[in-house]
C-alpha atoms as a PDB file:
ATOM      1  CA  SER A   1    -207.868 -80.233-129.787  1.00  0.00           C
ATOM      2  CA  ALA A   2    -204.393 -78.693-130.179  1.00  0.00           C
ATOM      3  CA  ALA A   3    -203.256 -80.157-126.849  1.00  0.00           C
ATOM      4  CA  GLU A   4    -204.043 -83.665-128.096  1.00  0.00           C
ATOM      5  CA  CYS A   5    -201.933 -83.336-131.244  1.00  0.00           C
ATOM      6  CA  LEU A   6    -198.539 -82.480-129.791  1.00  0.00           C
ATOM      7  CA  GLN A   7    -195.268 -83.425-131.392  1.00  0.00           C
ATOM      8  CA  ILE A   8    -192.922 -85.597-129.356  1.00  0.00           C
ATOM      9  CA  GLY A   9    -189.290 -85.228-130.349  1.00  0.00           C
ATOM     10  CA  SER A  10    -187.999 -84.046-133.710  1.00  0.00           C
ATOM     11  CA  TYR A  11    -189.470 -86.718-135.986  1.00  0.00           C
ATOM     12  CA  TYR A  12    -191.959 -88.627-133.848  1.00  0.00           C
ATOM     13  CA  LYS A  13    -195.609 -87.697-133.510  1.00  0.00           C
ATOM     14  CA  THR A  14    -198.520 -89.199-131.621  1.00  0.00           C
ATOM     15  CA  LEU A  15    -202.072 -87.923-131.863  1.00  0.00           C
ATOM     16  CA  LEU A  16    -205.708 -88.851-131.536  1.00  0.00           C
ATOM     17  CA  LEU A  17    -208.044 -90.060-134.236  1.00  0.00           C
ATOM     18  CA  GLY A  18    -209.445 -87.164-136.287  1.00  0.00           C
ATOM     19  CA  CYS A  19    -206.721 -84.655-135.397  1.00  0.00           C
ATOM     20  CA  THR A  20    -205.258 -82.222-137.910  1.00  0.00           C
ATOM     21  CA  ILE A  21    -201.481 -82.493-138.187  1.00  0.00           C
ATOM     22  CA  GLU A  22    -198.639 -81.401-140.452  1.00  0.00           C
ATOM     23  CA  ILE A  23    -195.726 -83.695-141.260  1.00  0.00           C
ATOM     24  CA  PRO A  24    -192.625 -81.673-142.148  1.00  0.00           C
ATOM     25  CA  CYS A  25    -190.236 -82.548-144.943  1.00  0.00           C
ATOM     26  CA  ALA A  26    -186.911 -82.008-143.201  1.00  0.00           C
ATOM     27  CA  ALA A  27    -185.074 -82.911-146.415  1.00  0.00           C
ATOM     28  CA  TYR A  28    -186.199 -79.686-148.067  1.00  0.00           C
ATOM     29  CA  VAL A  29    -183.756 -76.781-147.932  1.00  0.00           C
ATOM     30  CA  SER A  30    -183.484 -73.594-149.994  1.00  0.00           C
ATOM     31  CA  GLN A  31    -181.309 -74.408-152.978  1.00  0.00           C
ATOM     32  CA  SER A  32    -180.953 -73.331-156.597  1.00  0.00           C
ATOM     33  CA  GLY A  33    -183.022 -75.199-159.089  1.00  0.00           C
ATOM     34  CA  THR A  34    -186.541 -76.614-158.963  1.00  0.00           C
ATOM     35  CA  PRO A  35    -187.177 -79.157-156.205  1.00  0.00           C
ATOM     36  CA  ARG A  36    -189.103 -82.319-157.001  1.00  0.00           C
ATOM     37  CA  VAL A  37    -190.745 -83.661-153.839  1.00  0.00           C
ATOM     38  CA  GLU A  38    -192.364 -87.046-153.397  1.00  0.00           C
ATOM     39  CA  TRP A  39    -193.802 -88.784-150.338  1.00  0.00           C
ATOM     40  CA  LYS A  40    -193.900 -92.462-149.545  1.00  0.00           C
ATOM     41  CA  PHE A  41    -195.760 -94.332-146.828  1.00  0.00           C
ATOM     42  CA  GLU A  42    -194.155 -97.387-145.231  1.00  0.00           C
ATOM     43  CA  LYS A  43    -196.012 -99.898-143.068  1.00  0.00           C
ATOM     44  CA  ASP A  44    -195.364-103.564-142.333  1.00  0.00           C
ATOM     45  CA  SER A  45    -192.404-103.709-144.757  1.00  0.00           C
ATOM     46  CA  SER A  46    -194.468-102.357-147.676  1.00  0.00           C
ATOM     47  CA  VAL A  47    -193.820 -98.941-149.260  1.00  0.00           C
ATOM     48  CA  VAL A  48    -196.489 -96.973-151.156  1.00  0.00           C
ATOM     49  CA  LEU A  49    -195.902 -93.803-153.200  1.00  0.00           C
ATOM     50  CA  PHE A  50    -198.827 -91.554-152.291  1.00  0.00           C
ATOM     51  CA  TYR A  51    -197.704 -88.101-153.516  1.00  0.00           C
ATOM     52  CA  TYR A  52    -195.854 -87.159-156.700  1.00  0.00           C
ATOM     53  CA  ASN A  53    -195.986 -84.164-159.089  1.00  0.00           C
ATOM     54  CA  SER A  54    -198.688 -82.336-157.101  1.00  0.00           C
ATOM     55  CA  LYS A  55    -201.039 -85.338-157.102  1.00  0.00           C
ATOM     56  CA  PHE A  56    -202.256 -87.567-154.277  1.00  0.00           C
ATOM     57  CA  THR A  57    -203.297 -91.171-154.543  1.00  0.00           C
ATOM     58  CA  ASP A  58    -206.368 -92.534-152.782  1.00  0.00           C
ATOM     59  CA  PRO A  59    -207.248 -92.281-149.949  1.00  0.00           C
ATOM     60  CA  TYR A  60    -205.155 -89.112-149.403  1.00  0.00           C
ATOM     61  CA  GLN A  61    -206.376 -86.857-152.197  1.00  0.00           C
ATOM     62  CA  ASN A  62    -209.404 -85.476-150.338  1.00  0.00           C
ATOM     63  CA  ARG A  63    -207.860 -84.989-146.899  1.00  0.00           C
ATOM     64  CA  ALA A  64    -204.247 -83.887-147.392  1.00  0.00           C
ATOM     65  CA  ILE A  65    -202.771 -80.525-148.379  1.00  0.00           C
ATOM     66  CA  TYR A  66    -199.280 -80.278-149.846  1.00  0.00           C
ATOM     67  CA  THR A  67    -196.663 -77.547-149.438  1.00  0.00           C
ATOM     68  CA  PRO A  68    -192.994 -77.798-150.504  1.00  0.00           C
ATOM     69  CA  THR A  69    -191.977 -78.171-146.877  1.00  0.00           C
ATOM     70  CA  GLY A  70    -194.569 -80.674-145.670  1.00  0.00           C
ATOM     71  CA  ILE A  71    -197.988 -82.298-145.884  1.00  0.00           C
ATOM     72  CA  ARG A  72    -200.976 -81.355-143.736  1.00  0.00           C
ATOM     73  CA  PHE A  73    -203.587 -83.988-142.904  1.00  0.00           C
ATOM     74  CA  THR A  74    -207.012 -82.533-142.177  1.00  0.00           C
ATOM     75  CA  SER A  75    -208.208 -85.659-140.367  1.00  0.00           C
ATOM     76  CA  VAL A  76    -206.029 -88.668-139.588  1.00  0.00           C
ATOM     77  CA  THR A  77    -207.329 -92.225-139.279  1.00  0.00           C
ATOM     78  CA  ARG A  78    -206.006 -95.380-137.657  1.00  0.00           C
ATOM     79  CA  LYS A  79    -204.712 -96.531-141.063  1.00  0.00           C
ATOM     80  CA  ASP A  80    -202.370 -93.521-141.204  1.00  0.00           C
ATOM     81  CA  THR A  81    -200.098 -95.004-138.520  1.00  0.00           C
ATOM     82  CA  GLY A  82    -196.719 -95.721-140.085  1.00  0.00           C
ATOM     83  CA  LYS A  83    -193.531 -94.149-141.480  1.00  0.00           C
ATOM     84  CA  TYR A  84    -193.607 -91.207-143.892  1.00  0.00           C
ATOM     85  CA  ILE A  85    -190.583 -90.756-146.163  1.00  0.00           C
ATOM     86  CA  CYS A  86    -189.967 -87.451-147.892  1.00  0.00           C
ATOM     87  CA  GLY A  87    -187.606 -87.416-150.878  1.00  0.00           C
ATOM     88  CA  VAL A  88    -186.380 -84.180-152.508  1.00  0.00           C
ATOM     89  CA  LEU A  89    -184.434 -83.949-155.780  1.00  0.00           C
ATOM     90  CA  TRP A  90    -183.258 -80.623-157.254  1.00  0.00           C
ATOM     91  CA  THR A  91    -183.399 -80.339-161.037  1.00  0.00           C
ATOM     92  CA  GLY A  92    -181.274 -77.782-162.776  1.00  0.00           C
ATOM     93  CA  GLY A  93    -179.022 -77.567-159.741  1.00  0.00           C
ATOM     94  CA  SER A  94    -176.924 -80.091-157.873  1.00  0.00           C
ATOM     95  CA  GLY A  95    -179.415 -82.896-158.500  1.00  0.00           C
ATOM     96  CA  GLN A  96    -178.686 -84.227-155.024  1.00  0.00           C
ATOM     97  CA  LEU A  97    -181.404 -86.405-153.511  1.00  0.00           C
ATOM     98  CA  ARG A  98    -182.193 -85.867-149.837  1.00  0.00           C
ATOM     99  CA  LYS A  99    -184.561 -87.916-147.637  1.00  0.00           C
ATOM    100  CA  SER A 100    -186.170 -87.528-144.244  1.00  0.00           C
ATOM    101  CA  GLU A 101    -188.498 -89.795-142.259  1.00  0.00           C
ATOM    102  CA  VAL A 102    -191.328 -89.193-139.794  1.00  0.00           C
ATOM    103  CA  ASP A 103    -192.958 -91.902-137.674  1.00  0.00           C
ATOM    104  CA  LEU A 104    -196.640 -91.239-137.069  1.00  0.00           C
ATOM    105  CA  ILE A 105    -198.731 -93.053-134.458  1.00  0.00           C
ATOM    106  CA  VAL A 106    -202.471 -92.450-134.393  1.00  0.00           C
ATOM    107  CA  GLN A 107    -203.990 -93.275-131.016  1.00  0.00           C
ATOM    108  CA  MET A 108    -207.586 -94.420-130.656  1.00  0.00           C
ATOM    109  CA  PRO A 109    -209.780 -95.076-127.621  1.00  0.00           C
ATOM    110  CA  PRO A 110    -211.228 -98.578-127.247  1.00  0.00           C
ATOM    111  CA  SER A 111    -214.604 -99.431-128.684  1.00  0.00           C
ATOM    112  CA  LYS A 112    -217.273-101.324-126.750  1.00  0.00           C
ATOM    113  CA  PRO A 113    -215.811-104.755-125.932  1.00  0.00           C
ATOM    114  CA  VAL A 114    -217.630-108.052-126.391  1.00  0.00           C
ATOM    115  CA  ALA A 115    -217.744-110.415-123.412  1.00  0.00           C
ATOM    116  CA  LYS A 116    -218.190-114.148-123.862  1.00  0.00           C
ATOM    117  CA  VAL A 117    -219.508-115.725-120.662  1.00  0.00           C
ATOM    118  CA  PRO A 118    -220.878-119.272-120.260  1.00  0.00           C
ATOM    119  CA  THR A 119    -224.420-119.087-118.946  1.00  0.00           C
ATOM    120  CA  SER A 120    -224.135-122.285-116.878  1.00  0.00           C
ATOM    121  CA  VAL A 121    -221.129-124.067-115.378  1.00  0.00           C
ATOM    122  CA  THR A 122    -221.152-127.099-113.100  1.00  0.00           C
ATOM    123  CA  VAL A 123    -219.707-126.540-109.637  1.00  0.00           C
ATOM    124  CA  GLY A 124    -216.177-127.947-109.484  1.00  0.00           C
ATOM    125  CA  ASN A 125    -215.437-127.386-113.172  1.00  0.00           C
ATOM    126  CA  LYS A 126    -213.486-124.588-114.895  1.00  0.00           C
ATOM    127  CA  ALA A 127    -215.085-121.521-116.502  1.00  0.00           C
ATOM    128  CA  VAL A 128    -213.260-119.353-119.061  1.00  0.00           C
ATOM    129  CA  LEU A 129    -214.633-115.863-119.745  1.00  0.00           C
ATOM    130  CA  THR A 130    -213.166-113.751-122.570  1.00  0.00           C
ATOM    131  CA  CYS A 131    -213.258-110.040-123.422  1.00  0.00           C
ATOM    132  CA  MET A 132    -212.572-108.903-127.005  1.00  0.00           C
ATOM    133  CA  GLU A 133    -211.735-105.407-128.330  1.00  0.00           C
ATOM    134  CA  THR A 134    -209.724-104.705-131.498  1.00  0.00           C
ATOM    135  CA  ASP A 135    -210.041-100.977-132.259  1.00  0.00           C
ATOM    136  CA  GLY A 136    -208.116 -99.315-129.431  1.00  0.00           C
ATOM    137  CA  PHE A 137    -204.512 -98.196-129.807  1.00  0.00           C
ATOM    138  CA  PRO A 138    -202.394 -98.553-127.778  1.00  0.00           C
ATOM    139  CA  PRO A 139    -203.932-101.988-127.117  1.00  0.00           C
ATOM    140  CA  PRO A 140    -206.228-101.705-124.078  1.00  0.00           C
ATOM    141  CA  THR A 141    -206.034-103.515-120.773  1.00  0.00           C
ATOM    142  CA  PHE A 142    -209.053-105.314-119.346  1.00  0.00           C
ATOM    143  CA  GLN A 143    -210.913-105.538-116.044  1.00  0.00           C
ATOM    144  CA  TRP A 144    -213.838-107.721-114.977  1.00  0.00           C
ATOM    145  CA  TYR A 145    -216.872-106.956-112.828  1.00  0.00           C
ATOM    146  CA  ARG A 146    -219.302-109.282-111.063  1.00  0.00           C
ATOM    147  CA  ASP A 147    -222.635-107.843-109.987  1.00  0.00           C
ATOM    148  CA  ASN A 148    -221.267-104.329-110.728  1.00  0.00           C
ATOM    149  CA  VAL A 149    -218.315-104.820-108.343  1.00  0.00           C
ATOM    150  CA  LEU A 150    -214.739-104.655-109.687  1.00  0.00           C
ATOM    151  CA  MET A 151    -213.022-108.028-109.344  1.00  0.00           C
ATOM    152  CA  PRO A 152    -209.564-107.620-107.736  1.00  0.00           C
ATOM    153  CA  SER A 153    -206.576-109.424-109.221  1.00  0.00           C
ATOM    154  CA  ASN A 154    -206.318-111.443-106.005  1.00  0.00           C
ATOM    155  CA  PRO A 155    -209.753-112.638-104.808  1.00  0.00           C
ATOM    156  CA  LYS A 156    -208.465-113.496-101.336  1.00  0.00           C
ATOM    157  CA  ILE A 157    -207.982-109.832-100.428  1.00  0.00           C
ATOM    158  CA  SER A 158    -211.675-109.060-100.925  1.00  0.00           C
ATOM    159  CA  GLU A 159    -214.497-109.934 -98.563  1.00  0.00           C
ATOM    160  CA  LYS A 160    -216.877-110.391-101.502  1.00  0.00           C
ATOM    161  CA  PHE A 161    -214.598-112.586-103.620  1.00  0.00           C
ATOM    162  CA  ARG A 162    -212.518-114.518-101.095  1.00  0.00           C
ATOM    163  CA  ASN A 163    -214.641-117.662-101.593  1.00  0.00           C
ATOM    164  CA  SER A 164    -213.835-117.634-105.319  1.00  0.00           C
ATOM    165  CA  SER A 165    -210.725-118.876-107.065  1.00  0.00           C
ATOM    166  CA  TYR A 166    -209.861-117.125-110.319  1.00  0.00           C
ATOM    167  CA  THR A 167    -207.135-115.423-112.349  1.00  0.00           C
ATOM    168  CA  ILE A 168    -207.418-112.395-114.647  1.00  0.00           C
ATOM    169  CA  ASP A 169    -205.087-111.719-117.581  1.00  0.00           C
ATOM    170  CA  THR A 170    -205.351-107.940-118.002  1.00  0.00           C
ATOM    171  CA  LYS A 171    -203.591-108.026-121.406  1.00  0.00           C
ATOM    172  CA  THR A 172    -205.729-110.679-123.094  1.00  0.00           C
ATOM    173  CA  GLY A 173    -208.965-110.078-121.181  1.00  0.00           C
ATOM    174  CA  VAL A 174    -209.318-113.736-120.123  1.00  0.00           C
ATOM    175  CA  LEU A 175    -210.931-114.488-116.755  1.00  0.00           C
ATOM    176  CA  THR A 176    -210.449-118.090-115.608  1.00  0.00           C
ATOM    177  CA  ILE A 177    -212.476-119.430-112.669  1.00  0.00           C
ATOM    178  CA  GLU A 178    -211.237-122.769-111.320  1.00  0.00           C
ATOM    179  CA  PRO A 179    -212.864-124.465-109.585  1.00  0.00           C
ATOM    180  CA  VAL A 180    -216.299-122.897-109.954  1.00  0.00           C
ATOM    181  CA  THR A 181    -218.260-122.624-106.711  1.00  0.00           C
ATOM    182  CA  SER A 182    -221.792-121.488-105.923  1.00  0.00           C
ATOM    183  CA  PHE A 183    -220.315-118.088-104.962  1.00  0.00           C
ATOM    184  CA  ASP A 184    -219.372-117.504-108.619  1.00  0.00           C
ATOM    185  CA  THR A 185    -222.990-117.140-109.745  1.00  0.00           C
ATOM    186  CA  GLY A 186    -223.650-113.578-110.905  1.00  0.00           C
ATOM    187  CA  ASP A 187    -223.748-111.024-113.721  1.00  0.00           C
ATOM    188  CA  TYR A 188    -220.354-110.515-115.399  1.00  0.00           C
ATOM    189  CA  PHE A 189    -219.109-107.771-117.707  1.00  0.00           C
ATOM    190  CA  CYS A 190    -215.657-106.551-118.763  1.00  0.00           C
ATOM    191  CA  GLU A 191    -214.105-103.120-119.284  1.00  0.00           C
ATOM    192  CA  ALA A 192    -211.437-102.022-121.788  1.00  0.00           C
ATOM    193  CA  GLN A 193    -209.254 -98.946-121.301  1.00  0.00           C
ATOM    194  CA  ASN A 194    -206.018 -97.526-122.733  1.00  0.00           C
ATOM    195  CA  ASN A 195    -205.926 -94.006-121.196  1.00  0.00           C
ATOM    196  CA  ILE A 196    -207.194 -92.570-124.488  1.00  0.00           C
ATOM    197  CA  GLY A 197    -210.735 -91.349-124.197  1.00  0.00           C
ATOM    198  CA  THR A 198    -213.303 -93.102-122.001  1.00  0.00           C
ATOM    199  CA  ALA A 199    -213.124 -96.706-120.813  1.00  0.00           C
ATOM    200  CA  GLN A 200    -215.753 -98.919-122.471  1.00  0.00           C
ATOM    201  CA  LYS A 201    -217.849-101.662-120.850  1.00  0.00           C
ATOM    202  CA  SER A 202    -219.431-104.741-122.386  1.00  0.00           C
ATOM    203  CA  GLU A 203    -222.955-106.005-121.874  1.00  0.00           C
ATOM    204  CA  ALA A 204    -223.513-107.992-118.672  1.00  0.00           C
ATOM    205  CA  ILE A 205    -224.126-111.755-118.982  1.00  0.00           C
ATOM    206  CA  HIS A 206    -225.422-113.973-116.188  1.00  0.00           C
ATOM    207  CA  LEU A 207    -223.390-117.028-115.163  1.00  0.00           C
ATOM    208  CA  GLU A 208    -225.139-119.707-113.132  1.00  0.00           C
ATOM    209  CA  ALA A 209    -223.044-122.122-111.062  1.00  0.00           C
ATOM    210  CA  SER A 210    -225.168-125.300-111.055  1.00  0.00           C
ATOM    211  CA  LYS A 211    -224.744-128.079-108.542  1.00  0.00           C
ATOM    212  CA  GLU A 212    -223.956-131.651-109.526  1.00  0.00           C
ATOM    213  CA  MET A 213    -226.869-133.849-108.478  1.00  0.00           C
ATOM    214  CA  GLY A 214    -227.657-137.528-108.619  1.00  0.00           C
ATOM    215  CA  VAL A 215    -230.228-139.754-110.298  1.00  0.00           C
ATOM    216  CA  CYS A 216    -232.879-141.093-107.953  1.00  0.00           C
ATOM    217  CA  ARG A 217    -233.440-144.805-107.938  1.00  0.00           C
ATOM    218  CA  ALA A 218    -235.972-146.589-105.744  1.00  0.00           C
ATOM    219  CA  CYS A 219    -235.127-150.040-104.462  1.00  0.00           C
ATOM    220  CA  LEU A 220    -237.888-152.184-102.853  1.00  0.00           C
ATOM    221  CA  TRP A 221    -237.224-154.615-100.053  1.00  0.00           C
ATOM    222  CA  VAL A 222    -240.110-156.991 -99.359  1.00  0.00           C
ATOM    223  CA  HIS A 223    -240.442-158.556 -95.912  1.00  0.00           C
ATOM    224  CA  VAL A 224    -243.115-161.082 -94.876  1.00  0.00           C
ATOM    225  CA  SER A 225    -243.796-161.318 -91.152  1.00  0.00           C
ATOM    226  CA  THR A 226    -244.653-164.496 -89.288  1.00  0.00           C
ATOM    227  CA  LEU A 227    -248.279-163.328 -89.027  1.00  0.00           C
ATOM    228  CA  GLY A 228    -248.604-163.142 -92.787  1.00  0.00           C
ATOM    229  CA  SER A 229    -248.633-159.379 -93.085  1.00  0.00           C
ATOM    230  CA  LEU A 230    -246.645-157.738 -95.862  1.00  0.00           C
ATOM    231  CA  GLU A 231    -244.138-154.989 -95.081  1.00  0.00           C
ATOM    232  CA  VAL A 232    -242.677-152.852 -97.890  1.00  0.00           C
ATOM    233  CA  THR A 233    -239.545-150.729 -97.373  1.00  0.00           C
ATOM    234  CA  CYS A 234    -238.295-148.158 -99.929  1.00  0.00           C
ATOM    235  CA  LYS A 235    -234.780-146.683 -99.892  1.00  0.00           C
ATOM    236  CA  LEU A 236    -233.326-144.056-102.241  1.00  0.00           C
ATOM    237  CA  ILE A 237    -229.974-144.922-103.791  1.00  0.00           C
ATOM    238  CA  ILE A 238    -227.743-142.308-105.505  1.00  0.00           C
ATOM    239  CA  ALA A 239    -226.535-143.625-108.827  1.00  0.00           C
ATOM    240  CA  SER A 240    -223.848-142.221-111.119  1.00  0.00           C
ATOM    241  CA  ALA A 241    -223.835-138.397-110.922  1.00  0.00           C
ATOM    242  CA  VAL A 242    -225.281-136.224-113.633  1.00  0.00           C
ATOM    243  CA  THR A 243    -226.215-132.560-113.792  1.00  0.00           C
ATOM    244  CA  VAL A 244    -229.902-131.970-113.102  1.00  0.00           C
ATOM    245  CA  THR A 245    -231.893-129.037-111.879  1.00  0.00           C
ATOM    246  CA  ALA A 246    -233.555-130.782-108.932  1.00  0.00           C
ATOM    247  CA  PRO A 247    -232.607-129.148-105.632  1.00  0.00           C
ATOM    248  CA  SER A 248    -231.709-132.464-103.956  1.00  0.00           C
ATOM    249  CA  PRO A 249    -232.006-136.257-104.517  1.00  0.00           C
ATOM    250  CA  ALA A 250    -234.484-136.474-101.656  1.00  0.00           C
ATOM    251  CA  SER A 251    -236.980-134.434-103.666  1.00  0.00           C
ATOM    252  CA  CYS A 252    -237.268-137.107-106.368  1.00  0.00           C
ATOM    253  CA  SER A 253    -240.720-138.634-106.543  1.00  0.00           C
ATOM    254  CA  TYR A 254    -241.578-142.268-107.134  1.00  0.00           C
ATOM    255  CA  SER A 255    -244.669-144.506-107.302  1.00  0.00           C
ATOM    256  CA  LEU A 256    -245.342-148.139-106.424  1.00  0.00           C
ATOM    257  CA  ASN A 257    -247.277-150.520-108.659  1.00  0.00           C
ATOM    258  CA  TRP A 258    -248.403-153.859-107.261  1.00  0.00           C
ATOM    259  CA  LEU A 259    -248.571-156.920-109.478  1.00  0.00           C
ATOM    260  CA  ARG A 260    -249.826-160.342-108.578  1.00  0.00           C
END
């Protein structure tokens, strides 16, 4: 809309993707002779001549309209962000060359971000969750949600998150949980926003905080009584820890085989 394509200052414009806008050639003034006008586009230290002698170069030829005093874009894209240089030379008159510059910034709302979340993390370890979005301009900031609840920057101020320990980098979209506890199990998604258009959310991914269990080992102690009866005692011993899905070491099963 017209309200979204406003000029800011004399030679600085900011607008939304798809807007129609006219870039003036301030170097043009009424003067005797025939003016020769050319336009150049500068971005990242490279300069491209895109208009000369009433002709446009790709990709401008089908979406730009030229007048002696400016160029009108019917629909700008993200690639149009950069500096536009207008040069005017009068032939048959003074021959003086004049130049003017216009900085153009095309703003774009963020696209749907992609969240990378580990599906299982051992309790006590570190989990790193990332949120990626590359289309938005200005670059968006990021927020994280767990079970559809916004995660505050400081977990200790929230009743729901005070048992968690994490940090959120709103500029890079990285959520770091360290150490992971059982309270960190849940569905996570991120949100990208830059105040242009609508904030976008990623798909939710479930993270499971798994407990570190032990390996069950059965040790037999054999005791012979004075009356000749045989007594067998079994005791479970926790060996070196590994991650398993059993709820507890005591649930491990074992069997006894007798040999003679």
